[in-house]
Amino acid sequence: MSMRKSRPPSDSDDSSGPRAPPPPGPRRGRREDDDYPSPRKRKRHSRNRGYSMPREKSSKVDLLLCVFHSGTSHNWRTAPLSFDRRRTDDRDLWEDIRRTYRDDLQKPWRRILLFKRLKEIAPIEYTRNGVPVRKGKDQKNFPDHHTYMHAYHHPDKILPDHEWVDWFVQFRATDPTKTYGLEFIEGLWAEKLAIVAILITVAIIVVSIVWCIRGGQLQTVFTVMGFVLTGAAAEVALAALYYQVTLPG
C-alpha cells in the first residue's frame, strides 16, 4: 500500500480568510539608479503630471443683494457682493453684507429722512429674467429669519468660523447657472414716526407759549396753532398709512 505524502494546504484551498500577498521577488532589468531618477526624468514626469491633474476651482463667491422700493410695485434695487470663501470668515462676511446694504441699497439719506427700517432678511434666487424669488420658507436646512437679523445687527458677536461662508457656498452651488443672493425686506419704522409726531407737538406748544408771553392774543394763538397742529397730525397719519400700505413688511 503506497502512502501519499501530505502537502501543506495552499492559499487557494482556504477561502475563509484573506489571502496573503506574495513575497516580493527579485527585480529584473532594473538598475540601481532607477530609484533616484535623473533631474531630466523628474522634470519630464512632473510636466506630464501637471496636465493630468484637475484644475482648481475658483474660491470667489458672488451674491446679488436686493431691496424692493415698495410692496405693490415691481421696482427693486440690487447691489453685488463678492467674497473669497478661503480668506473670509463669518464675521467679515456679515460686516461686508451690512456695509453693502447700508451704503448701496438703503442709502444714508433714506435712512435719516424716511420712516423705513429693516424687518427681515431672506435668501433669494433670480430667474432667467432677473426677477428675485424668495427661497427657504418650507425648507428645514435654511436658517431662521431671526438668525439672519442677529448676524446683521451684531456681526461683532459672530465667531470667526466658516459656518455662514460654507452655507452660502452650498446655497450658491444649488444651480451654478442661476444667481443667488439676499433680499432685505423693509417695513414701517413706527417708533421713529411716533418720535417725530411728539417732537412736532412739543414744538407747537413751545411756540404758542412764547407767542403768548411776547404779547400775542391768546385766542389768536390757540386758533393758529390749532390749525398747525391739525395739519401736522394729518401729515403724520398719512405718512404712516402710506408706509403701512406700500411696504411689504
C-alpha atoms as a PDB file:
ATOM      1  CA  MET A   1       0.000   0.000   0.000  1.00  0.00           C
ATOM      2  CA  SER A   2       1.561   3.206  -1.177  1.00  0.00           C
ATOM      3  CA  MET A   3       1.438   6.150   1.178  1.00  0.00           C
ATOM      4  CA  ARG A   4       0.741   9.578  -0.262  1.00  0.00           C
ATOM      5  CA  LYS A   5       2.820  12.331   1.148  1.00  0.00           C
ATOM      6  CA  SER A   6       0.757  15.079   2.666  1.00  0.00           C
ATOM      7  CA  ARG A   7       1.393  18.594   1.458  1.00  0.00           C
ATOM      8  CA  PRO A   8       0.629  21.766   3.315  1.00  0.00           C
ATOM      9  CA  PRO A   9      -2.619  23.452   2.330  1.00  0.00           C
ATOM     10  CA  SER A  10      -2.228  26.154  -0.232  1.00  0.00           C
ATOM     11  CA  ASP A  11      -3.734  29.611  -0.052  1.00  0.00           C
ATOM     12  CA  SER A  12      -6.234  28.693  -2.772  1.00  0.00           C
ATOM     13  CA  ASP A  13      -7.754  25.951  -0.585  1.00  0.00           C
ATOM     14  CA  ASP A  14      -8.508  28.324   2.281  1.00  0.00           C
ATOM     15  CA  SER A  15     -11.361  30.582   1.342  1.00  0.00           C
ATOM     16  CA  SER A  16     -12.282  31.547   4.851  1.00  0.00           C
ATOM     17  CA  GLY A  17      -9.671  34.301   5.376  1.00  0.00           C
ATOM     18  CA  PRO A  18      -7.956  36.949   3.302  1.00  0.00           C
ATOM     19  CA  ARG A  19      -5.110  35.874   1.059  1.00  0.00           C
ATOM     20  CA  ALA A  20      -1.626  36.931   1.957  1.00  0.00           C
ATOM     21  CA  PRO A  21       0.216  38.928  -0.687  1.00  0.00           C
ATOM     22  CA  PRO A  22       3.077  37.113  -2.448  1.00  0.00           C
ATOM     23  CA  PRO A  23       6.565  37.864  -1.211  1.00  0.00           C
ATOM     24  CA  PRO A  24       8.489  40.406  -3.166  1.00  0.00           C
ATOM     25  CA  GLY A  25      10.664  38.762  -5.775  1.00  0.00           C
ATOM     26  CA  PRO A  26      13.909  39.883  -7.335  1.00  0.00           C
ATOM     27  CA  ARG A  27      13.625  42.853  -9.673  1.00  0.00           C
ATOM     28  CA  ARG A  28      14.919  42.142 -13.109  1.00  0.00           C
ATOM     29  CA  GLY A  29      16.002  44.578 -15.702  1.00  0.00           C
ATOM     30  CA  ARG A  30      16.123  47.493 -13.252  1.00  0.00           C
ATOM     31  CA  ARG A  31      19.182  49.477 -12.475  1.00  0.00           C
ATOM     32  CA  GLU A  32      20.074  50.677  -9.038  1.00  0.00           C
ATOM     33  CA  ASP A  33      19.877  54.316 -10.043  1.00  0.00           C
ATOM     34  CA  ASP A  34      16.209  53.899 -11.091  1.00  0.00           C
ATOM     35  CA  ASP A  35      15.193  54.589  -7.517  1.00  0.00           C
ATOM     36  CA  TYR A  36      16.772  58.011  -7.909  1.00  0.00           C
ATOM     37  CA  PRO A  37      15.809  59.227 -11.368  1.00  0.00           C
ATOM     38  CA  SER A  38      17.795  61.921 -13.009  1.00  0.00           C
ATOM     39  CA  PRO A  39      16.610  65.549 -12.905  1.00  0.00           C
ATOM     40  CA  ARG A  40      15.643  65.262 -16.552  1.00  0.00           C
ATOM     41  CA  LYS A  41      13.333  62.353 -15.792  1.00  0.00           C
ATOM     42  CA  ARG A  42      11.824  64.113 -12.791  1.00  0.00           C
ATOM     43  CA  LYS A  43      11.190  67.231 -14.812  1.00  0.00           C
ATOM     44  CA  ARG A  44       9.504  65.302 -17.615  1.00  0.00           C
ATOM     45  CA  HIS A  45       7.410  63.352 -15.104  1.00  0.00           C
ATOM     46  CA  SER A  46       6.220  66.447 -13.268  1.00  0.00           C
ATOM     47  CA  ARG A  47       5.366  68.161 -16.555  1.00  0.00           C
ATOM     48  CA  ASN A  48       3.176  65.268 -17.661  1.00  0.00           C
ATOM     49  CA  ARG A  49       1.586  65.087 -14.192  1.00  0.00           C
ATOM     50  CA  GLY A  50       0.679  68.741 -14.303  1.00  0.00           C
ATOM     51  CA  TYR A  51      -1.508  68.265 -17.347  1.00  0.00           C
ATOM     52  CA  SER A  52      -3.282  65.266 -15.818  1.00  0.00           C
ATOM     53  CA  MET A  53      -4.152  67.000 -12.516  1.00  0.00           C
ATOM     54  CA  PRO A  54      -7.600  68.645 -12.325  1.00  0.00           C
ATOM     55  CA  ARG A  55      -7.627  72.394 -12.301  1.00  0.00           C
ATOM     56  CA  GLU A  56      -8.513  74.104  -9.038  1.00  0.00           C
ATOM     57  CA  LYS A  57     -11.887  75.806  -8.906  1.00  0.00           C
ATOM     58  CA  SER A  58     -12.173  79.486  -8.129  1.00  0.00           C
ATOM     59  CA  SER A  59     -12.758  80.372  -4.489  1.00  0.00           C
ATOM     60  CA  LYS A  60     -14.698  83.534  -5.341  1.00  0.00           C
ATOM     61  CA  VAL A  61     -18.398  83.535  -4.447  1.00  0.00           C
ATOM     62  CA  ASP A  62     -20.770  86.120  -5.958  1.00  0.00           C
ATOM     63  CA  LEU A  63     -24.050  87.214  -4.395  1.00  0.00           C
ATOM     64  CA  LEU A  64     -26.583  89.813  -5.501  1.00  0.00           C
ATOM     65  CA  LEU A  65     -28.285  91.724  -2.698  1.00  0.00           C
ATOM     66  CA  CYS A  66     -31.753  93.159  -3.337  1.00  0.00           C
ATOM     67  CA  VAL A  67     -34.316  95.503  -1.763  1.00  0.00           C
ATOM     68  CA  PHE A  68     -37.773  96.388  -3.057  1.00  0.00           C
ATOM     69  CA  HIS A  69     -38.874 100.012  -3.150  1.00  0.00           C
ATOM     70  CA  SER A  70     -42.422  99.095  -2.140  1.00  0.00           C
ATOM     71  CA  GLY A  71     -44.640  96.082  -1.780  1.00  0.00           C
ATOM     72  CA  THR A  72     -47.019  96.935  -4.619  1.00  0.00           C
ATOM     73  CA  SER A  73     -44.534  97.885  -7.349  1.00  0.00           C
ATOM     74  CA  HIS A  74     -42.134  95.740  -9.301  1.00  0.00           C
ATOM     75  CA  ASN A  75     -39.154  98.020  -8.805  1.00  0.00           C
ATOM     76  CA  TRP A  76     -36.140  96.877  -6.858  1.00  0.00           C
ATOM     77  CA  ARG A  77     -32.541  97.852  -6.392  1.00  0.00           C
ATOM     78  CA  THR A  78     -29.617  95.432  -6.419  1.00  0.00           C
ATOM     79  CA  ALA A  79     -26.004  95.571  -5.276  1.00  0.00           C
ATOM     80  CA  PRO A  80     -23.342  92.903  -5.987  1.00  0.00           C
ATOM     81  CA  LEU A  81     -21.265  91.341  -3.237  1.00  0.00           C
ATOM     82  CA  SER A  82     -18.238  89.069  -3.720  1.00  0.00           C
ATOM     83  CA  PHE A  83     -16.100  87.302  -1.151  1.00  0.00           C
ATOM     84  CA  ASP A  84     -13.327  84.726  -1.051  1.00  0.00           C
ATOM     85  CA  ARG A  85     -14.517  81.598   0.730  1.00  0.00           C
ATOM     86  CA  ARG A  86     -10.954  80.758   1.816  1.00  0.00           C
ATOM     87  CA  ARG A  87      -9.938  84.126   3.198  1.00  0.00           C
ATOM     88  CA  THR A  88     -13.280  85.369   4.556  1.00  0.00           C
ATOM     89  CA  ASP A  89     -14.810  84.220   7.823  1.00  0.00           C
ATOM     90  CA  ASP A  90     -18.375  84.668   9.077  1.00  0.00           C
ATOM     91  CA  ARG A  91     -17.667  87.939  10.861  1.00  0.00           C
ATOM     92  CA  ASP A  92     -16.041  89.558   7.820  1.00  0.00           C
ATOM     93  CA  LEU A  93     -18.813  88.288   5.580  1.00  0.00           C
ATOM     94  CA  TRP A  94     -21.640  89.842   7.596  1.00  0.00           C
ATOM     95  CA  GLU A  95     -19.741  93.079   8.043  1.00  0.00           C
ATOM     96  CA  ASP A  96     -19.491  93.302   4.235  1.00  0.00           C
ATOM     97  CA  ILE A  97     -23.186  92.446   3.853  1.00  0.00           C
ATOM     98  CA  ARG A  98     -24.184  95.113   6.388  1.00  0.00           C
ATOM     99  CA  ARG A  99     -21.946  97.735   4.764  1.00  0.00           C
ATOM    100  CA  THR A 100     -23.239  96.976   1.274  1.00  0.00           C
ATOM    101  CA  TYR A 101     -26.869  97.260   2.352  1.00  0.00           C
ATOM    102  CA  ARG A 102     -26.431 100.491   4.303  1.00  0.00           C
ATOM    103  CA  ASP A 103     -24.276 102.249   1.700  1.00  0.00           C
ATOM    104  CA  ASP A 104     -25.584 100.941  -1.636  1.00  0.00           C
ATOM    105  CA  LEU A 105     -29.179  99.839  -1.016  1.00  0.00           C
ATOM    106  CA  GLN A 106     -30.549 101.775   1.924  1.00  0.00           C
ATOM    107  CA  LYS A 107     -28.541 104.970   1.337  1.00  0.00           C
ATOM    108  CA  PRO A 108     -27.703 107.298   4.256  1.00  0.00           C
ATOM    109  CA  TRP A 109     -30.256 109.969   3.281  1.00  0.00           C
ATOM    110  CA  ARG A 110     -33.074 107.404   3.091  1.00  0.00           C
ATOM    111  CA  ARG A 111     -32.082 106.047   6.481  1.00  0.00           C
ATOM    112  CA  ILE A 112     -32.262 109.551   8.023  1.00  0.00           C
ATOM    113  CA  LEU A 113     -35.303 111.055   6.291  1.00  0.00           C
ATOM    114  CA  LEU A 114     -37.644 108.140   5.603  1.00  0.00           C
ATOM    115  CA  PHE A 115     -39.611 106.055   8.056  1.00  0.00           C
ATOM    116  CA  LYS A 116     -38.242 102.713   6.906  1.00  0.00           C
ATOM    117  CA  ARG A 117     -36.161 100.140   8.669  1.00  0.00           C
ATOM    118  CA  LEU A 118     -35.030  96.588   8.064  1.00  0.00           C
ATOM    119  CA  LYS A 119     -37.573  93.991   9.164  1.00  0.00           C
ATOM    120  CA  GLU A 120     -36.377  90.709   7.673  1.00  0.00           C
ATOM    121  CA  ILE A 121     -33.674  89.118   5.529  1.00  0.00           C
ATOM    122  CA  ALA A 122     -34.485  86.230   3.194  1.00  0.00           C
ATOM    123  CA  PRO A 123     -32.402  84.175   0.718  1.00  0.00           C
ATOM    124  CA  ILE A 124     -33.422  84.598  -2.903  1.00  0.00           C
ATOM    125  CA  GLU A 125     -32.643  83.276  -6.341  1.00  0.00           C
ATOM    126  CA  TYR A 126     -33.057  85.142  -9.611  1.00  0.00           C
ATOM    127  CA  THR A 127     -34.969  83.826 -12.572  1.00  0.00           C
ATOM    128  CA  ARG A 128     -33.608  83.980 -16.096  1.00  0.00           C
ATOM    129  CA  ASN A 129     -35.323  87.354 -16.490  1.00  0.00           C
ATOM    130  CA  GLY A 130     -33.606  88.693 -13.377  1.00  0.00           C
ATOM    131  CA  VAL A 131     -36.624  88.625 -11.070  1.00  0.00           C
ATOM    132  CA  PRO A 132     -35.791  87.851  -7.405  1.00  0.00           C
ATOM    133  CA  VAL A 133     -37.755  84.978  -5.846  1.00  0.00           C
ATOM    134  CA  ARG A 134     -37.627  84.150  -2.132  1.00  0.00           C
ATOM    135  CA  LYS A 135     -36.361  80.740  -1.106  1.00  0.00           C
ATOM    136  CA  GLY A 136     -36.210  78.653   2.022  1.00  0.00           C
ATOM    137  CA  LYS A 137     -39.688  79.161   3.508  1.00  0.00           C
ATOM    138  CA  ASP A 138     -40.540  75.461   3.552  1.00  0.00           C
ATOM    139  CA  GLN A 139     -37.017  74.036   3.768  1.00  0.00           C
ATOM    140  CA  LYS A 140     -35.570  72.940   7.095  1.00  0.00           C
ATOM    141  CA  ASN A 141     -31.914  73.338   6.143  1.00  0.00           C
ATOM    142  CA  PHE A 142     -32.332  77.109   5.771  1.00  0.00           C
ATOM    143  CA  PRO A 143     -31.564  79.375   8.758  1.00  0.00           C
ATOM    144  CA  ASP A 144     -34.377  81.082  10.599  1.00  0.00           C
ATOM    145  CA  HIS A 145     -35.029  84.757   9.850  1.00  0.00           C
ATOM    146  CA  HIS A 146     -34.071  85.647  13.430  1.00  0.00           C
ATOM    147  CA  THR A 147     -30.643  84.168  12.740  1.00  0.00           C
ATOM    148  CA  TYR A 148     -30.202  86.463   9.727  1.00  0.00           C
ATOM    149  CA  MET A 149     -31.248  89.519  11.713  1.00  0.00           C
ATOM    150  CA  HIS A 150     -28.939  88.719  14.618  1.00  0.00           C
ATOM    151  CA  ALA A 151     -25.995  88.230  12.275  1.00  0.00           C
ATOM    152  CA  TYR A 152     -26.798  91.512  10.504  1.00  0.00           C
ATOM    153  CA  HIS A 153     -27.216  93.659  13.636  1.00  0.00           C
ATOM    154  CA  HIS A 154     -24.402  92.035  15.639  1.00  0.00           C
ATOM    155  CA  PRO A 155     -21.619  90.946  13.280  1.00  0.00           C
ATOM    156  CA  ASP A 156     -19.053  91.619  16.005  1.00  0.00           C
ATOM    157  CA  LYS A 157     -20.595  88.876  18.155  1.00  0.00           C
ATOM    158  CA  ILE A 158     -20.203  86.212  15.461  1.00  0.00           C
ATOM    159  CA  LEU A 159     -17.323  83.801  15.923  1.00  0.00           C
ATOM    160  CA  PRO A 160     -14.697  83.889  13.156  1.00  0.00           C
ATOM    161  CA  ASP A 161     -15.781  80.492  11.837  1.00  0.00           C
ATOM    162  CA  HIS A 162     -16.906  79.420   8.377  1.00  0.00           C
ATOM    163  CA  GLU A 163     -20.444  78.166   9.018  1.00  0.00           C
ATOM    164  CA  TRP A 164     -22.108  81.051   7.179  1.00  0.00           C
ATOM    165  CA  VAL A 165     -19.459  81.000   4.467  1.00  0.00           C
ATOM    166  CA  ASP A 166     -19.969  77.284   3.841  1.00  0.00           C
ATOM    167  CA  TRP A 167     -23.740  77.722   3.855  1.00  0.00           C
ATOM    168  CA  PHE A 168     -23.606  80.454   1.203  1.00  0.00           C
ATOM    169  CA  VAL A 169     -21.229  78.319  -0.876  1.00  0.00           C
ATOM    170  CA  GLN A 170     -23.664  75.377  -0.756  1.00  0.00           C
ATOM    171  CA  PHE A 171     -26.600  77.672  -1.455  1.00  0.00           C
ATOM    172  CA  ARG A 172     -24.760  79.121  -4.444  1.00  0.00           C
ATOM    173  CA  ALA A 173     -23.852  75.614  -5.695  1.00  0.00           C
ATOM    174  CA  THR A 174     -27.514  74.531  -5.907  1.00  0.00           C
ATOM    175  CA  ASP A 175     -27.612  75.625  -9.543  1.00  0.00           C
ATOM    176  CA  PRO A 176     -24.422  77.340 -10.779  1.00  0.00           C
ATOM    177  CA  THR A 177     -26.285  78.740 -13.792  1.00  0.00           C
ATOM    178  CA  LYS A 178     -28.509  80.919 -11.569  1.00  0.00           C
ATOM    179  CA  THR A 179     -27.803  83.982  -9.486  1.00  0.00           C
ATOM    180  CA  TYR A 180     -28.376  83.875  -5.733  1.00  0.00           C
ATOM    181  CA  GLY A 181     -28.401  86.489  -3.012  1.00  0.00           C
ATOM    182  CA  LEU A 182     -30.294  88.053  -0.118  1.00  0.00           C
ATOM    183  CA  GLU A 183     -33.408  90.213  -0.034  1.00  0.00           C
ATOM    184  CA  PHE A 184     -33.674  92.948   2.572  1.00  0.00           C
ATOM    185  CA  ILE A 185     -37.318  93.410   3.489  1.00  0.00           C
ATOM    186  CA  GLU A 186     -38.121  96.855   4.861  1.00  0.00           C
ATOM    187  CA  GLY A 187     -41.073  97.884   6.988  1.00  0.00           C
ATOM    188  CA  LEU A 188     -42.559 100.860   8.791  1.00  0.00           C
ATOM    189  CA  TRP A 189     -40.376 102.404  11.465  1.00  0.00           C
ATOM    190  CA  ALA A 190     -43.230 103.166  13.845  1.00  0.00           C
ATOM    191  CA  GLU A 191     -41.017 104.295  16.723  1.00  0.00           C
ATOM    192  CA  LYS A 192     -39.350 106.960  14.589  1.00  0.00           C
ATOM    193  CA  LEU A 193     -42.718 108.150  13.316  1.00  0.00           C
ATOM    194  CA  ALA A 194     -44.059 108.437  16.859  1.00  0.00           C
ATOM    195  CA  ILE A 195     -40.987 110.394  17.982  1.00  0.00           C
ATOM    196  CA  VAL A 196     -41.406 112.835  15.094  1.00  0.00           C
ATOM    197  CA  ALA A 197     -45.080 113.354  15.967  1.00  0.00           C
ATOM    198  CA  ILE A 198     -44.206 114.018  19.615  1.00  0.00           C
ATOM    199  CA  LEU A 199     -41.466 116.485  18.650  1.00  0.00           C
ATOM    200  CA  ILE A 200     -43.850 118.387  16.362  1.00  0.00           C
ATOM    201  CA  THR A 201     -46.443 118.615  19.143  1.00  0.00           C
ATOM    202  CA  VAL A 202     -43.885 119.831  21.666  1.00  0.00           C
ATOM    203  CA  ALA A 203     -42.563 122.425  19.204  1.00  0.00           C
ATOM    204  CA  ILE A 204     -46.069 123.782  18.568  1.00  0.00           C
ATOM    205  CA  ILE A 205     -46.760 124.065  22.285  1.00  0.00           C
ATOM    206  CA  VAL A 206     -43.451 125.879  22.904  1.00  0.00           C
ATOM    207  CA  VAL A 207     -44.111 128.330  20.052  1.00  0.00           C
ATOM    208  CA  SER A 208     -47.600 129.021  21.405  1.00  0.00           C
ATOM    209  CA  ILE A 209     -46.286 129.768  24.897  1.00  0.00           C
ATOM    210  CA  VAL A 210     -43.544 132.081  23.581  1.00  0.00           C
ATOM    211  CA  TRP A 211     -46.067 133.870  21.378  1.00  0.00           C
ATOM    212  CA  CYS A 212     -48.371 134.471  24.323  1.00  0.00           C
ATOM    213  CA  ILE A 213     -45.516 135.741  26.513  1.00  0.00           C
ATOM    214  CA  ARG A 214     -44.488 138.265  23.862  1.00  0.00           C
ATOM    215  CA  GLY A 215     -47.942 139.833  23.798  1.00  0.00           C
ATOM    216  CA  GLY A 216     -49.900 137.731  21.381  1.00  0.00           C
ATOM    217  CA  GLN A 217     -53.624 137.398  21.867  1.00  0.00           C
ATOM    218  CA  LEU A 218     -54.472 134.109  23.479  1.00  0.00           C
ATOM    219  CA  GLN A 219     -57.421 133.355  21.187  1.00  0.00           C
ATOM    220  CA  THR A 220     -55.404 134.094  18.054  1.00  0.00           C
ATOM    221  CA  VAL A 221     -52.501 131.957  19.256  1.00  0.00           C
ATOM    222  CA  PHE A 222     -54.680 128.973  20.020  1.00  0.00           C
ATOM    223  CA  THR A 223     -56.539 129.301  16.729  1.00  0.00           C
ATOM    224  CA  VAL A 224     -53.386 129.439  14.579  1.00  0.00           C
ATOM    225  CA  MET A 225     -51.565 126.744  16.496  1.00  0.00           C
ATOM    226  CA  GLY A 226     -54.638 124.539  16.408  1.00  0.00           C
ATOM    227  CA  PHE A 227     -54.626 124.630  12.611  1.00  0.00           C
ATOM    228  CA  VAL A 228     -50.880 123.929  12.546  1.00  0.00           C
ATOM    229  CA  LEU A 229     -51.200 121.027  14.950  1.00  0.00           C
ATOM    230  CA  THR A 230     -54.103 119.538  12.961  1.00  0.00           C
ATOM    231  CA  GLY A 231     -52.134 119.775   9.719  1.00  0.00           C
ATOM    232  CA  ALA A 232     -49.040 118.166  11.250  1.00  0.00           C
ATOM    233  CA  ALA A 233     -51.076 115.349  12.750  1.00  0.00           C
ATOM    234  CA  ALA A 234     -52.748 114.741   9.379  1.00  0.00           C
ATOM    235  CA  GLU A 235     -49.369 114.567   7.621  1.00  0.00           C
ATOM    236  CA  VAL A 236     -48.003 112.088  10.145  1.00  0.00           C
ATOM    237  CA  ALA A 237     -51.122 109.929   9.831  1.00  0.00           C
ATOM    238  CA  LEU A 238     -50.912 109.975   6.019  1.00  0.00           C
ATOM    239  CA  ALA A 239     -47.225 109.031   6.142  1.00  0.00           C
ATOM    240  CA  ALA A 240     -47.974 106.124   8.455  1.00  0.00           C
ATOM    241  CA  LEU A 241     -50.819 104.956   6.222  1.00  0.00           C
ATOM    242  CA  TYR A 242     -48.677 105.228   3.100  1.00  0.00           C
ATOM    243  CA  TYR A 243     -45.832 103.144   4.539  1.00  0.00           C
ATOM    244  CA  GLN A 244     -48.236 100.657   6.045  1.00  0.00           C
ATOM    245  CA  VAL A 245     -49.873 100.038   2.669  1.00  0.00           C
ATOM    246  CA  THR A 246     -46.870 100.143   0.358  1.00  0.00           C
ATOM    247  CA  LEU A 247     -44.150  98.453   2.368  1.00  0.00           C
ATOM    248  CA  PRO A 248     -44.042  94.642   2.255  1.00  0.00           C
ATOM    249  CA  GLY A 249     -43.012  94.335   5.904  1.00  0.00           C
END
